[in-house]
Structure formats: C-alpha cells, structure tokens
C-alpha cells in the first residue's frame, strides 16, 4: 500500500475509534468532540511558559509548576512536566466526553486498546487513556460543567 494511502487509512481508523466518522446516530455523535487539550510534556516549566508566552505570544490562562494552560482557541495548549513515561517534547491529545466509563466500554467493544482504564485523578477528575492507530496515547476526560 502506498505511504499516503496508509496515512489516510490510519487517520480514518483513528477517527472511527473516537466515533467521528462512524455515523450520525445520537450514540455516535456523543463522541464527536474536537480535542480539548494538546498536552506538551516539558523539562522546565518556567522556561517553557516564558517561550510560549513571551516568544510565541500565546495568552497564558493558568500557570503552576505541574500544569500550565494557554488560550489557543477551542483546543487548549497545556504544559505538563516531563517524566520517564512522557519525555520532554512528547505531545498527547486530550478529548472530552460526557461519560468516561461509557466511552471506555463502547470503545473497548470496538477493539480500542486502553493503556489506562478510567481512573480518579489527584485533581478529582476521572481520566482514561487509549492508544491510537499510530501508538500514541490519548487522554479522555469528562467535559467541564
């Protein structure tokens, strides 16, 4: 298969996994969400915030040592400290859904592999992580009220 065709097929597979191209049924539309976060893992939070704010000119929404956010339209750019699991420079997409448990159940039934089932986080929210068609981890959380 031609490389461009492989990339198109991989994208179709990924969007099918999140329900964006599967159908116009109410059940499928519940997952028709844009990524709400692009999470960039950084080695030095202060340096990264200064670069994105002062050099790139992005508007800072929130800053802390463990999580910083920039206003970038419908999808928020978030910075998170790097770790052995997520080295500096890695980017992860974060989707929001109405119900993480239902998303987990429905997507698991479609063959989506989850690297982390729904789990309550220190900040109080519930997140799950799935692996996309390219092997990247994507987060799924509940829509903010």
Foldseek 3Di string as FASTA:
>chain_A
DDPVVVVVVLVVQQCVLQLCPPDPDPVSVLSNWDFQEKEFAAAFQVVVVCCCCVVVPFAWDDDDRAKTWTDDDNHIYMYGHADPVRHGGDIATETAGADQQVSQVVSVVVVWAWPARWDQDPVGWTKTWTAGSVRGIYIYTHDDD
